Amino acid sequence: MSTVTYRKAEENDFPRIAGLLRTSVDDLLKKYGFIETSPFASQRLPPIPERGFPWFEMGLKEDPDGFWVAEVDGELAGVTLAWVRGSLWYLAHLFVSPEHQGLDIGTSLLAKALRHHKTEPITNRALVTFAYNPVSISLYARHGMYARDPLYLMECPKDQVELEKKDEKMKHEQLTESHAKPRTLSRIDEQCVGYPRQRNHAYLVGLPNVECHLFSAGGGPVGYAYVWKNGRIGPLAAVSHRIFKDMVKISLSIAVQQESPTVGMLVTGSNETLMQIALDQKMRIMDNYLFMSAKRFANFSNYILYHTGAML
């Protein structure tokens, strides 16, 4: 019988972890028929680098107690990465390789990640998972995290985006790493979703393939939006729903200027404003997910989630 061992992740694990994530996702996409449309199929991703994994590096630095691997006879068999910001615990990754299913590795890794906390008591736990993965959905539900919202990764060719006249009262500036304002962005998060994420913003603003735009109106900051070179928008947060629609439309105008032939975003099913914007642009659903949490979030009507485990 195979022996499963568990330990904290280390930097030299990163290439193998990246390979395991791709193998696991490909297996799921093939099983449920999304391999031809999902942007996360390995055939649509760049080659795995030998070094340079900023997301894993941040996880190891900021949340090592939530970053675990499982091995079977010396072979990497599973990985989990959870992070804590304030009183929020968030599961970014939990994957078990296809050849090591059925050994309760996922349950054991989740149990270790759930014990990760910092100074504040945890008041909520959340994650995003594939909507067509009943095994994972059941696992999370048994641990008190329930399906709250459908999420649709939607996109369209950028040349079909219909841009509207900008609201002249709404201003925005692109932040650079040297002029980043993680505290300001984090304060917007607290107003919008209830949790600070200053370290996440410091990480995102430093990436070379994304622009962060800080929006202001009436002399003060009212929201932010990340726009990626692949044309995707998110995370995006607004302090009120009144300005959310204008921010999304301005972000679309920024997205069409990127080098990608498509634009897209992760659309929350309950956010009727966001869904209508996506449908008005004739965006197609490329993949679908579930947002799960122990408690409902205060306000998702002013927010666009990012499309990986890196952020809410």
Protein backbone atom coordinates (compact mmCIF):
# COMPACT_ATOMS: atom_id res chain seq x y z
CA MET A 1 0.00 0.00 0.00
CA SER A 2 1.29 3.47 -0.90
CA THR A 3 2.47 5.71 1.95
CA VAL A 4 1.26 9.31 1.91
CA THR A 5 3.39 11.94 3.66
CA TYR A 6 2.62 15.61 4.23
CA ARG A 7 4.93 18.57 4.72
CA LYS A 8 5.12 22.33 4.26
CA ALA A 9 5.84 23.46 0.71
CA GLU A 10 9.37 24.57 -0.18
CA GLU A 11 10.70 26.78 -2.94
CA ASN A 12 12.20 23.89 -4.88
CA ASP A 13 8.69 22.35 -5.09
CA PHE A 14 7.33 25.20 -7.23
CA PRO A 15 7.91 23.73 -10.73
CA ARG A 16 6.40 20.40 -9.68
CA ILE A 17 3.45 22.17 -8.04
CA ALA A 18 2.79 24.12 -11.25
CA GLY A 19 2.91 20.87 -13.23
CA LEU A 20 0.51 19.15 -10.82
CA LEU A 21 -1.98 22.02 -11.06
CA ARG A 22 -1.98 21.83 -14.87
CA THR A 23 -2.30 18.03 -14.95
CA SER A 24 -5.16 18.09 -12.45
CA VAL A 25 -7.05 20.88 -14.21
CA ASP A 26 -6.61 19.23 -17.62
CA ASP A 27 -7.97 15.96 -16.25
CA LEU A 28 -11.05 17.72 -14.89
CA LEU A 29 -11.64 19.71 -18.08
CA LYS A 30 -11.40 16.56 -20.22
CA LYS A 31 -13.74 14.67 -17.93
CA TYR A 32 -16.48 17.30 -18.13
CA GLY A 33 -15.98 18.47 -21.72
CA PHE A 34 -14.42 21.91 -21.18
CA ILE A 35 -10.94 21.18 -22.50
CA GLU A 36 -11.69 22.94 -25.82
CA THR A 37 -13.03 26.18 -24.30
CA SER A 38 -11.43 26.74 -20.91
CA PRO A 39 -8.55 29.24 -20.92
CA PHE A 40 -6.94 27.19 -18.17
CA ALA A 41 -6.29 24.14 -20.35
CA SER A 42 -2.51 23.67 -20.40
CA GLN A 43 -2.44 23.88 -24.21
CA ARG A 44 -3.42 27.58 -23.89
CA LEU A 45 -0.90 28.41 -21.18
CA PRO A 46 2.77 29.32 -21.56
CA PRO A 47 5.41 26.67 -20.71
CA ILE A 48 6.15 26.17 -17.01
CA PRO A 49 9.30 28.14 -16.16
CA GLU A 50 12.21 26.61 -14.32
CA ARG A 51 12.14 29.46 -11.81
CA GLY A 52 10.17 32.58 -11.04
CA PHE A 53 6.80 31.75 -9.41
CA PRO A 54 5.75 35.03 -7.74
CA TRP A 55 2.35 33.76 -6.55
CA PHE A 56 3.85 30.70 -4.85
CA GLU A 57 6.69 32.83 -3.50
CA MET A 58 4.21 35.19 -1.86
CA GLY A 59 2.29 32.24 -0.42
CA LEU A 60 5.46 30.78 1.08
CA LYS A 61 6.51 34.14 2.49
CA GLU A 62 3.16 35.38 3.80
CA ASP A 63 1.23 32.20 4.59
CA PRO A 64 3.58 29.21 5.00
CA ASP A 65 1.19 27.58 7.49
CA GLY A 66 -1.40 27.32 4.71
CA PHE A 67 0.95 25.96 2.02
CA TRP A 68 1.24 22.15 2.09
CA VAL A 69 2.18 19.34 -0.27
CA ALA A 70 1.45 15.61 -0.18
CA GLU A 71 3.85 13.00 -1.51
CA VAL A 72 3.39 9.31 -2.31
CA ASP A 73 6.63 7.35 -2.37
CA GLY A 74 8.53 10.59 -3.04
CA GLU A 75 6.24 11.72 -5.89
CA LEU A 76 4.24 14.93 -5.56
CA ALA A 77 0.60 13.90 -5.18
CA GLY A 78 -1.26 16.96 -3.92
CA VAL A 79 -1.01 20.61 -2.92
CA THR A 80 -3.01 23.17 -1.01
CA LEU A 81 -2.48 26.89 -0.55
CA ALA A 82 -4.67 29.00 1.75
CA TRP A 83 -4.12 32.60 2.77
CA VAL A 84 -5.44 34.74 5.62
CA ARG A 85 -6.20 38.45 5.45
CA GLY A 86 -7.70 39.90 8.61
CA SER A 87 -10.48 37.53 9.67
CA LEU A 88 -10.90 36.00 6.20
CA TRP A 89 -9.45 32.57 5.33
CA TYR A 90 -9.32 31.93 1.58
CA LEU A 91 -8.50 28.66 -0.18
CA ALA A 92 -6.54 29.50 -3.31
CA HIS A 93 -5.61 25.96 -4.40
CA LEU A 94 -6.44 22.39 -3.49
CA PHE A 95 -5.49 19.78 -6.09
CA VAL A 96 -4.69 16.08 -6.06
CA SER A 97 -3.02 14.45 -9.08
CA PRO A 98 -5.31 12.13 -11.10
CA GLU A 99 -3.21 9.03 -10.37
CA HIS A 100 -3.43 9.59 -6.61
CA GLN A 101 -7.18 10.06 -6.25
CA GLY A 102 -8.99 7.94 -3.68
CA LEU A 103 -6.36 8.16 -0.93
CA ASP A 104 -8.15 10.94 1.05
CA ILE A 105 -5.29 13.28 0.21
CA GLY A 106 -7.62 16.20 -0.53
CA THR A 107 -9.40 15.82 2.82
CA SER A 108 -6.11 15.67 4.71
CA LEU A 109 -4.64 18.68 2.93
CA LEU A 110 -7.78 20.71 3.55
CA ALA A 111 -7.69 19.82 7.25
CA LYS A 112 -4.12 21.13 7.49
CA ALA A 113 -4.96 24.32 5.59
CA LEU A 114 -8.02 24.98 7.77
CA ARG A 115 -5.81 25.20 10.83
CA HIS A 116 -4.00 28.18 9.30
CA HIS A 117 -4.83 31.45 11.04
CA LYS A 118 -2.99 34.52 12.25
CA THR A 119 -3.78 36.93 15.07
CA GLU A 120 -7.47 37.58 14.46
CA PRO A 121 -10.14 34.88 14.87
CA ILE A 122 -11.39 33.59 11.50
CA THR A 123 -14.97 34.74 10.89
CA ASN A 124 -15.39 33.61 7.28
CA ARG A 125 -13.88 31.08 4.87
CA ALA A 126 -14.20 31.24 1.09
CA LEU A 127 -13.02 29.71 -2.18
CA VAL A 128 -13.78 29.37 -5.89
CA THR A 129 -14.09 25.92 -7.46
CA PHE A 130 -15.19 24.45 -10.77
CA ALA A 131 -18.99 24.28 -10.89
CA TYR A 132 -18.88 20.80 -12.46
CA ASN A 133 -16.69 19.14 -9.83
CA PRO A 134 -19.16 17.49 -7.41
CA VAL A 135 -16.44 15.78 -5.36
CA SER A 136 -14.79 19.08 -4.42
CA ILE A 137 -18.11 20.84 -3.87
CA SER A 138 -19.19 18.11 -1.45
CA LEU A 139 -15.85 18.23 0.37
CA TYR A 140 -16.09 21.98 0.96
CA ALA A 141 -19.75 21.79 1.97
CA ARG A 142 -18.90 19.17 4.61
CA HIS A 143 -16.49 21.72 6.07
CA GLY A 144 -19.11 24.46 6.26
CA MET A 145 -18.45 26.30 3.01
CA TYR A 146 -21.58 26.41 0.85
CA ALA A 147 -22.28 27.42 -2.74
CA ARG A 148 -23.24 31.09 -2.75
CA ASP A 149 -22.92 32.29 -6.33
CA PRO A 150 -22.37 30.98 -9.86
CA LEU A 151 -19.42 32.54 -11.67
CA TYR A 152 -19.04 32.70 -15.43
CA LEU A 153 -15.76 33.39 -17.20
CA MET A 154 -17.03 35.39 -20.18
CA GLU A 155 -15.16 36.95 -23.09
CA CYS A 156 -15.58 38.34 -26.60
CA PRO A 157 -13.40 39.67 -29.43
CA LYS A 158 -12.30 43.17 -28.50
CA ASP A 159 -13.28 44.63 -31.86
CA GLN A 160 -16.95 43.99 -31.10
CA VAL A 161 -16.91 45.90 -27.79
CA GLU A 162 -19.18 48.94 -27.97
CA LEU A 163 -17.65 51.75 -25.96
CA GLU A 164 -19.77 54.48 -24.47
CA LYS A 165 -18.90 58.09 -23.73
CA LYS A 166 -16.91 58.31 -20.51
CA ASP A 167 -18.25 59.97 -17.39
CA GLU A 168 -16.15 63.14 -17.19
CA LYS A 169 -16.62 63.26 -13.40
CA MET A 170 -14.85 59.91 -13.05
CA LYS A 171 -11.06 60.10 -13.11
CA HIS A 172 -8.54 57.27 -13.06
CA GLU A 173 -4.78 56.95 -12.83
CA GLN A 174 -2.58 53.98 -13.57
CA LEU A 175 -0.51 53.01 -10.55
CA THR A 176 3.07 51.87 -10.94
CA GLU A 177 5.03 49.69 -8.53
CA SER A 178 7.00 52.71 -7.32
CA HIS A 179 3.82 54.75 -6.85
CA ALA A 180 1.50 51.99 -5.67
CA LYS A 181 -1.10 52.68 -3.01
CA PRO A 182 -1.80 49.28 -1.42
CA ARG A 183 -3.27 50.85 1.72
CA THR A 184 -5.73 52.92 -0.31
CA LEU A 185 -6.70 49.88 -2.37
CA SER A 186 -7.08 47.80 0.78
CA ARG A 187 -9.37 50.40 2.36
CA ILE A 188 -11.60 50.15 -0.72
CA ASP A 189 -11.66 46.36 -0.20
CA GLU A 190 -12.80 46.82 3.38
CA GLN A 191 -15.69 49.00 2.23
CA CYS A 192 -16.60 46.68 -0.65
CA VAL A 193 -16.09 43.09 0.56
CA GLY A 194 -15.24 43.62 4.21
CA TYR A 195 -11.60 42.50 4.34
CA PRO A 196 -8.19 44.17 3.93
CA ARG A 197 -5.82 42.75 1.31
CA GLN A 198 -2.87 45.12 1.31
CA ARG A 199 -0.29 42.38 0.66
CA ASN A 200 -2.28 41.02 -2.27
CA HIS A 201 -2.28 44.45 -3.88
CA ALA A 202 1.45 44.85 -3.30
CA TYR A 203 1.91 41.55 -5.15
CA LEU A 204 -0.42 42.39 -8.05
CA VAL A 205 0.87 45.89 -8.68
CA GLY A 206 4.37 44.46 -9.03
CA LEU A 207 3.45 42.07 -11.84
CA PRO A 208 4.58 43.02 -15.37
CA ASN A 209 1.44 41.79 -17.16
CA VAL A 210 -1.24 43.86 -15.44
CA GLU A 211 -2.23 47.50 -15.00
CA CYS A 212 -3.84 48.79 -11.81
CA HIS A 213 -6.09 51.82 -12.19
CA LEU A 214 -7.27 53.84 -9.20
CA PHE A 215 -10.59 55.64 -9.76
CA SER A 216 -11.59 58.88 -8.07
CA ALA A 217 -14.61 61.16 -8.04
CA GLY A 218 -15.39 64.20 -5.95
CA GLY A 219 -11.76 64.46 -4.89
CA GLY A 220 -11.38 61.04 -3.29
CA PRO A 221 -10.74 57.39 -4.28
CA VAL A 222 -13.90 55.44 -5.11
CA GLY A 223 -12.57 52.19 -6.60
CA TYR A 224 -9.86 50.32 -8.45
CA ALA A 225 -9.60 47.95 -11.39
CA TYR A 226 -6.88 45.60 -12.60
CA VAL A 227 -6.70 45.16 -16.37
CA TRP A 228 -4.48 42.38 -17.72
CA LYS A 229 -2.56 42.19 -20.96
CA ASN A 230 -4.72 39.19 -21.91
CA GLY A 231 -7.71 41.57 -21.90
CA ARG A 232 -9.27 40.36 -18.65
CA ILE A 233 -10.62 42.65 -15.96
CA GLY A 234 -10.39 41.95 -12.25
CA PRO A 235 -10.29 42.28 -9.42
CA LEU A 236 -12.40 45.43 -9.57
CA ALA A 237 -13.97 47.08 -6.53
CA ALA A 238 -16.20 50.13 -6.16
CA VAL A 239 -17.30 51.77 -2.92
CA SER A 240 -20.88 52.03 -4.19
CA HIS A 241 -23.04 50.35 -6.80
CA ARG A 242 -23.93 53.76 -8.23
CA ILE A 243 -20.44 54.11 -9.72
CA PHE A 244 -19.79 50.42 -10.38
CA LYS A 245 -21.33 50.39 -13.87
CA ASP A 246 -19.26 53.38 -15.03
CA MET A 247 -16.08 51.81 -13.65
CA VAL A 248 -16.71 48.56 -15.52
CA LYS A 249 -17.30 50.37 -18.80
CA ILE A 250 -14.15 52.47 -18.40
CA SER A 251 -12.22 49.29 -17.59
CA LEU A 252 -13.54 47.71 -20.80
CA SER A 253 -12.18 50.70 -22.74
CA ILE A 254 -8.78 50.07 -21.13
CA ALA A 255 -8.99 46.33 -21.85
CA VAL A 256 -9.53 46.84 -25.59
CA GLN A 257 -6.23 48.73 -25.71
CA GLN A 258 -4.30 45.66 -24.54
CA GLU A 259 -2.43 43.36 -26.92
CA SER A 260 -4.93 40.50 -26.59
CA PRO A 261 -7.57 40.02 -29.34
CA THR A 262 -10.21 39.33 -26.66
CA VAL A 263 -11.55 40.96 -23.51
CA GLY A 264 -13.20 39.17 -20.64
CA MET A 265 -14.11 39.02 -16.97
CA LEU A 266 -15.44 36.71 -14.30
CA VAL A 267 -19.16 37.54 -14.01
CA THR A 268 -21.02 36.90 -10.76
CA GLY A 269 -24.43 35.39 -11.47
CA SER A 270 -26.26 37.48 -8.86
CA ASN A 271 -24.79 40.75 -10.13
CA GLU A 272 -27.42 41.71 -12.68
CA THR A 273 -25.62 44.90 -13.70
CA LEU A 274 -22.41 43.05 -14.50
CA MET A 275 -24.23 40.24 -16.28
CA GLN A 276 -26.13 42.73 -18.44
CA ILE A 277 -22.92 44.53 -19.40
CA ALA A 278 -21.35 41.22 -20.46
CA LEU A 279 -24.43 40.19 -22.46
CA ASP A 280 -24.68 43.63 -24.11
CA GLN A 281 -21.12 43.09 -25.38
CA LYS A 282 -22.16 39.62 -26.63
CA MET A 283 -19.63 37.89 -24.41
CA ARG A 284 -19.65 34.08 -24.43
CA ILE A 285 -19.32 31.80 -21.41
CA MET A 286 -15.95 30.03 -21.62
CA ASP A 287 -16.02 28.24 -18.26
CA ASN A 288 -18.10 28.25 -15.07
CA TYR A 289 -17.34 28.09 -11.38
CA LEU A 290 -18.90 28.36 -7.94
CA PHE A 291 -18.10 30.84 -5.22
CA MET A 292 -18.40 29.08 -1.85
CA SER A 293 -18.14 30.53 1.62
CA ALA A 294 -19.06 29.93 5.25
CA LYS A 295 -20.98 33.22 5.39
CA ARG A 296 -22.36 35.46 2.70
CA PHE A 297 -20.23 38.41 1.72
CA ALA A 298 -21.68 41.82 2.41
CA ASN A 299 -21.71 43.17 -1.11
CA PHE A 300 -20.71 41.49 -4.36
CA SER A 301 -22.79 43.91 -6.42
CA ASN A 302 -19.83 46.33 -6.50
CA TYR A 303 -17.15 43.78 -7.25
CA ILE A 304 -15.53 41.66 -9.98
CA LEU A 305 -13.51 38.68 -8.84
CA TYR A 306 -10.19 37.77 -10.31
CA HIS A 307 -10.17 34.47 -12.23
CA THR A 308 -7.62 32.45 -10.27
CA GLY A 309 -6.83 31.63 -6.68
CA ALA A 310 -4.65 34.69 -6.43
CA MET A 311 -7.51 36.90 -5.28
CA LEU A 312 -11.13 36.97 -4.35
